[in-house]
Amino acid sequence: MDNDRLRPIERRMLKLAEAGVDDVEIAWRFRCSPKSVRQVTALSQLPGRGQRSTAAGGGLRPIERRVLRWRDAGAEFTDLAARFRRRPASLQQIEQVARYKLAR
């Protein structure tokens, strides 16, 4: 499995589990329950885990999809700032990141 696509906590828990460390010890290190450790390790090994989403949005966050939709409709950042309760510069950065994600 390609561990590069897993979250850091998943990679670290899997590495410890593969090294033979007990679930109780891993739970103690991460300040969680042994049940949580078992769940994280089990879910991180499911097929397709860690792959990019190909859902309708191309892996964009909801705010990125909404900003792109409004911008494509001709809305200005200053108009969107109140709607999203963010500064225009923040929305501009969100748009740039979304377009970068789509270009990949």
N, C-alpha and C. Protein backbone atom coordinates (compact mmCIF):
# COMPACT_ATOMS: atom_id res chain seq x y z
N MET A 1 0.84 -1.19 0.00
CA MET A 1 0.00 0.00 0.00
C MET A 1 0.88 1.25 0.00
N ASP A 2 0.39 2.28 -0.66
CA ASP A 2 1.11 3.54 -0.74
C ASP A 2 0.81 4.37 0.50
N ASN A 3 1.72 4.33 1.48
CA ASN A 3 1.50 5.03 2.75
C ASN A 3 1.65 6.54 2.62
N ASP A 4 2.16 7.03 1.49
CA ASP A 4 2.35 8.47 1.33
C ASP A 4 1.03 9.22 1.31
N ARG A 5 -0.04 8.55 0.95
CA ARG A 5 -1.34 9.20 0.86
C ARG A 5 -2.14 9.12 2.17
N LEU A 6 -1.62 8.44 3.15
CA LEU A 6 -2.29 8.34 4.44
C LEU A 6 -1.99 9.57 5.29
N ARG A 7 -2.85 9.82 6.26
CA ARG A 7 -2.59 10.91 7.20
C ARG A 7 -1.41 10.53 8.07
N PRO A 8 -0.69 11.52 8.61
CA PRO A 8 0.48 11.22 9.44
C PRO A 8 0.18 10.30 10.62
N ILE A 9 -0.96 10.50 11.28
CA ILE A 9 -1.29 9.65 12.43
C ILE A 9 -1.50 8.21 11.99
N GLU A 10 -2.10 8.03 10.81
CA GLU A 10 -2.31 6.68 10.29
C GLU A 10 -0.97 6.01 9.98
N ARG A 11 -0.07 6.76 9.35
CA ARG A 11 1.25 6.20 9.02
C ARG A 11 2.00 5.80 10.28
N ARG A 12 1.95 6.67 11.30
CA ARG A 12 2.70 6.38 12.53
C ARG A 12 2.11 5.19 13.27
N MET A 13 0.77 5.12 13.34
CA MET A 13 0.14 3.99 14.02
C MET A 13 0.42 2.68 13.28
N LEU A 14 0.35 2.70 11.96
CA LEU A 14 0.63 1.49 11.18
C LEU A 14 2.08 1.05 11.36
N LYS A 15 2.99 2.01 11.37
CA LYS A 15 4.41 1.68 11.54
C LYS A 15 4.64 1.01 12.89
N LEU A 16 4.02 1.54 13.94
CA LEU A 16 4.17 0.93 15.27
C LEU A 16 3.52 -0.45 15.32
N ALA A 17 2.35 -0.58 14.71
CA ALA A 17 1.66 -1.87 14.71
C ALA A 17 2.47 -2.92 13.95
N GLU A 18 3.06 -2.53 12.83
CA GLU A 18 3.88 -3.46 12.05
C GLU A 18 5.15 -3.84 12.79
N ALA A 19 5.62 -2.94 13.67
CA ALA A 19 6.81 -3.23 14.46
C ALA A 19 6.49 -4.14 15.64
N GLY A 20 5.20 -4.46 15.83
CA GLY A 20 4.82 -5.38 16.89
C GLY A 20 4.43 -4.72 18.20
N VAL A 21 4.24 -3.42 18.18
CA VAL A 21 3.85 -2.72 19.41
C VAL A 21 2.37 -3.01 19.67
N ASP A 22 2.04 -3.28 20.91
CA ASP A 22 0.68 -3.63 21.33
C ASP A 22 -0.26 -2.43 21.16
N ASP A 23 -1.55 -2.70 20.87
CA ASP A 23 -2.54 -1.64 20.71
C ASP A 23 -2.66 -0.76 21.95
N VAL A 24 -2.53 -1.37 23.11
CA VAL A 24 -2.63 -0.60 24.36
C VAL A 24 -1.48 0.40 24.46
N GLU A 25 -0.29 -0.02 24.07
CA GLU A 25 0.88 0.87 24.10
C GLU A 25 0.73 2.00 23.08
N ILE A 26 0.26 1.66 21.88
CA ILE A 26 0.05 2.69 20.85
C ILE A 26 -1.00 3.69 21.34
N ALA A 27 -2.06 3.18 21.94
CA ALA A 27 -3.12 4.05 22.46
C ALA A 27 -2.57 4.99 23.54
N TRP A 28 -1.72 4.46 24.39
CA TRP A 28 -1.13 5.29 25.44
C TRP A 28 -0.28 6.39 24.82
N ARG A 29 0.49 6.06 23.80
CA ARG A 29 1.35 7.06 23.16
C ARG A 29 0.56 8.17 22.47
N PHE A 30 -0.59 7.81 21.90
CA PHE A 30 -1.39 8.78 21.17
C PHE A 30 -2.53 9.37 22.01
N ARG A 31 -2.61 8.98 23.26
CA ARG A 31 -3.64 9.47 24.19
C ARG A 31 -5.05 9.19 23.65
N CYS A 32 -5.26 7.95 23.25
CA CYS A 32 -6.58 7.54 22.79
C CYS A 32 -6.84 6.11 23.29
N SER A 33 -7.95 5.55 22.91
CA SER A 33 -8.29 4.20 23.38
C SER A 33 -7.74 3.14 22.43
N PRO A 34 -7.53 1.93 22.93
CA PRO A 34 -7.10 0.84 22.04
C PRO A 34 -8.10 0.58 20.91
N LYS A 35 -9.38 0.81 21.19
CA LYS A 35 -10.41 0.66 20.16
C LYS A 35 -10.16 1.65 19.01
N SER A 36 -9.77 2.87 19.34
CA SER A 36 -9.47 3.88 18.32
C SER A 36 -8.28 3.47 17.48
N VAL A 37 -7.27 2.90 18.13
CA VAL A 37 -6.09 2.45 17.40
C VAL A 37 -6.47 1.35 16.41
N ARG A 38 -7.26 0.38 16.88
CA ARG A 38 -7.70 -0.71 16.00
C ARG A 38 -8.51 -0.17 14.82
N GLN A 39 -9.36 0.81 15.10
CA GLN A 39 -10.18 1.39 14.04
C GLN A 39 -9.33 2.14 13.02
N VAL A 40 -8.38 2.93 13.48
CA VAL A 40 -7.52 3.69 12.57
C VAL A 40 -6.70 2.74 11.71
N THR A 41 -6.11 1.72 12.31
CA THR A 41 -5.30 0.79 11.52
C THR A 41 -6.15 -0.01 10.55
N ALA A 42 -7.35 -0.40 10.96
CA ALA A 42 -8.22 -1.18 10.06
C ALA A 42 -8.70 -0.31 8.89
N LEU A 43 -9.14 0.90 9.17
CA LEU A 43 -9.66 1.76 8.11
C LEU A 43 -8.57 2.23 7.16
N SER A 44 -7.36 2.40 7.66
CA SER A 44 -6.28 2.87 6.78
C SER A 44 -5.83 1.79 5.81
N GLN A 45 -6.21 0.56 6.06
CA GLN A 45 -5.81 -0.54 5.17
C GLN A 45 -6.91 -0.95 4.19
N LEU A 46 -8.03 -0.24 4.19
CA LEU A 46 -9.11 -0.56 3.26
C LEU A 46 -8.68 -0.23 1.83
N PRO A 47 -9.19 -0.97 0.86
CA PRO A 47 -8.85 -0.68 -0.53
C PRO A 47 -9.33 0.71 -0.92
N GLY A 48 -8.52 1.42 -1.65
CA GLY A 48 -8.88 2.76 -2.08
C GLY A 48 -8.61 3.84 -1.07
N ARG A 49 -8.19 3.47 0.14
CA ARG A 49 -7.90 4.46 1.18
C ARG A 49 -6.66 5.24 0.80
N GLY A 50 -6.75 6.52 0.91
CA GLY A 50 -5.60 7.36 0.63
C GLY A 50 -5.52 7.80 -0.81
N GLN A 51 -6.48 7.39 -1.65
CA GLN A 51 -6.46 7.83 -3.02
C GLN A 51 -7.25 9.11 -3.15
N ARG A 52 -6.95 9.85 -4.16
CA ARG A 52 -7.63 11.11 -4.37
C ARG A 52 -9.08 10.88 -4.73
N SER A 53 -9.91 11.77 -4.30
CA SER A 53 -11.33 11.69 -4.60
C SER A 53 -11.57 12.06 -6.05
N THR A 54 -12.38 11.27 -6.72
CA THR A 54 -12.76 11.59 -8.09
C THR A 54 -14.23 11.97 -8.15
N ALA A 55 -14.76 12.36 -7.00
CA ALA A 55 -16.17 12.74 -6.93
C ALA A 55 -16.40 14.01 -7.74
N ALA A 56 -17.65 14.38 -7.84
CA ALA A 56 -18.00 15.56 -8.61
C ALA A 56 -17.40 16.80 -7.98
N GLY A 57 -16.39 17.27 -8.17
CA GLY A 57 -15.77 18.43 -7.58
C GLY A 57 -14.27 18.27 -7.73
N GLY A 58 -13.85 17.10 -8.15
CA GLY A 58 -12.45 16.89 -8.38
C GLY A 58 -11.59 16.98 -7.15
N GLY A 59 -12.15 16.71 -5.98
CA GLY A 59 -11.37 16.77 -4.76
C GLY A 59 -11.30 18.14 -4.15
N LEU A 60 -12.17 19.03 -4.59
CA LEU A 60 -12.19 20.38 -4.02
C LEU A 60 -13.04 20.40 -2.77
N ARG A 61 -12.68 21.29 -1.86
CA ARG A 61 -13.50 21.51 -0.68
C ARG A 61 -14.75 22.27 -1.09
N PRO A 62 -15.81 22.19 -0.28
CA PRO A 62 -17.04 22.90 -0.65
C PRO A 62 -16.85 24.39 -0.86
N ILE A 63 -16.06 25.04 -0.02
CA ILE A 63 -15.86 26.48 -0.20
C ILE A 63 -15.13 26.77 -1.50
N GLU A 64 -14.20 25.90 -1.88
CA GLU A 64 -13.48 26.10 -3.14
C GLU A 64 -14.44 25.98 -4.32
N ARG A 65 -15.33 24.99 -4.28
CA ARG A 65 -16.30 24.83 -5.36
C ARG A 65 -17.22 26.04 -5.45
N ARG A 66 -17.67 26.54 -4.30
CA ARG A 66 -18.58 27.67 -4.30
C ARG A 66 -17.91 28.95 -4.77
N VAL A 67 -16.66 29.18 -4.33
CA VAL A 67 -15.94 30.38 -4.78
C VAL A 67 -15.72 30.33 -6.28
N LEU A 68 -15.33 29.18 -6.81
CA LEU A 68 -15.12 29.06 -8.25
C LEU A 68 -16.42 29.30 -9.02
N ARG A 69 -17.52 28.75 -8.52
CA ARG A 69 -18.81 28.92 -9.19
C ARG A 69 -19.19 30.41 -9.24
N TRP A 70 -19.03 31.13 -8.12
CA TRP A 70 -19.36 32.54 -8.07
C TRP A 70 -18.42 33.36 -8.95
N ARG A 71 -17.14 33.03 -8.90
CA ARG A 71 -16.17 33.77 -9.71
C ARG A 71 -16.41 33.55 -11.20
N ASP A 72 -16.75 32.32 -11.58
CA ASP A 72 -17.05 32.04 -12.99
C ASP A 72 -18.31 32.78 -13.44
N ALA A 73 -19.20 33.07 -12.50
CA ALA A 73 -20.41 33.82 -12.81
C ALA A 73 -20.14 35.33 -12.85
N GLY A 74 -18.92 35.74 -12.51
CA GLY A 74 -18.55 37.15 -12.63
C GLY A 74 -18.53 37.92 -11.33
N ALA A 75 -18.69 37.28 -10.20
CA ALA A 75 -18.71 37.98 -8.91
C ALA A 75 -17.30 38.45 -8.55
N GLU A 76 -17.23 39.59 -7.89
CA GLU A 76 -15.96 40.15 -7.44
C GLU A 76 -15.66 39.67 -6.02
N PHE A 77 -14.38 39.68 -5.66
CA PHE A 77 -13.98 39.25 -4.32
C PHE A 77 -14.60 40.12 -3.23
N THR A 78 -14.71 41.41 -3.50
CA THR A 78 -15.28 42.30 -2.49
C THR A 78 -16.76 41.99 -2.25
N ASP A 79 -17.47 41.57 -3.28
CA ASP A 79 -18.87 41.18 -3.13
C ASP A 79 -19.01 39.87 -2.38
N LEU A 80 -18.08 38.95 -2.61
CA LEU A 80 -18.13 37.64 -1.98
C LEU A 80 -17.68 37.66 -0.53
N ALA A 81 -16.91 38.68 -0.16
CA ALA A 81 -16.34 38.72 1.19
C ALA A 81 -17.42 38.67 2.27
N ALA A 82 -18.48 39.42 2.10
CA ALA A 82 -19.55 39.41 3.10
C ALA A 82 -20.31 38.09 3.08
N ARG A 83 -20.51 37.54 1.90
CA ARG A 83 -21.25 36.29 1.77
C ARG A 83 -20.53 35.15 2.49
N PHE A 84 -19.21 35.09 2.36
CA PHE A 84 -18.43 34.01 2.95
C PHE A 84 -17.82 34.38 4.31
N ARG A 85 -18.03 35.63 4.72
CA ARG A 85 -17.46 36.12 5.99
C ARG A 85 -15.95 35.95 6.03
N ARG A 86 -15.33 36.32 4.94
CA ARG A 86 -13.88 36.26 4.82
C ARG A 86 -13.40 37.52 4.11
N ARG A 87 -12.12 37.76 4.20
CA ARG A 87 -11.54 38.92 3.52
C ARG A 87 -11.36 38.59 2.04
N PRO A 88 -11.39 39.62 1.19
CA PRO A 88 -11.21 39.38 -0.23
C PRO A 88 -9.88 38.68 -0.57
N ALA A 89 -8.82 39.01 0.16
CA ALA A 89 -7.53 38.36 -0.10
C ALA A 89 -7.59 36.87 0.21
N SER A 90 -8.34 36.51 1.24
CA SER A 90 -8.50 35.10 1.60
C SER A 90 -9.25 34.35 0.50
N LEU A 91 -10.29 34.96 -0.03
CA LEU A 91 -11.05 34.33 -1.10
C LEU A 91 -10.22 34.21 -2.38
N GLN A 92 -9.39 35.20 -2.62
CA GLN A 92 -8.51 35.13 -3.79
C GLN A 92 -7.54 33.96 -3.65
N GLN A 93 -7.01 33.76 -2.46
CA GLN A 93 -6.11 32.63 -2.22
C GLN A 93 -6.85 31.29 -2.37
N ILE A 94 -8.07 31.23 -1.89
CA ILE A 94 -8.87 30.01 -2.03
C ILE A 94 -9.10 29.70 -3.50
N GLU A 95 -9.37 30.72 -4.29
CA GLU A 95 -9.58 30.50 -5.72
C GLU A 95 -8.29 30.00 -6.39
N GLN A 96 -7.16 30.58 -6.03
CA GLN A 96 -5.89 30.15 -6.62
C GLN A 96 -5.58 28.70 -6.29
N VAL A 97 -5.82 28.31 -5.05
CA VAL A 97 -5.57 26.92 -4.64
C VAL A 97 -6.52 25.97 -5.38
N ALA A 98 -7.76 26.36 -5.52
CA ALA A 98 -8.74 25.52 -6.21
C ALA A 98 -8.36 25.34 -7.68
N ARG A 99 -7.95 26.41 -8.32
CA ARG A 99 -7.55 26.31 -9.73
C ARG A 99 -6.28 25.47 -9.88
N TYR A 100 -5.39 25.57 -8.91
CA TYR A 100 -4.18 24.75 -8.93
C TYR A 100 -4.55 23.26 -8.81
N LYS A 101 -5.48 22.96 -7.89
CA LYS A 101 -5.91 21.57 -7.72
C LYS A 101 -6.53 21.01 -8.99
N LEU A 102 -7.33 21.83 -9.66
CA LEU A 102 -7.97 21.38 -10.88
C LEU A 102 -6.98 21.20 -12.03
N ALA A 103 -5.92 21.98 -12.01
CA ALA A 103 -4.92 21.89 -13.08
C ALA A 103 -4.04 20.63 -12.95
N ARG A 104 -3.98 20.05 -11.74
CA ARG A 104 -3.14 18.87 -11.56
C ARG A 104 -3.70 17.67 -12.20
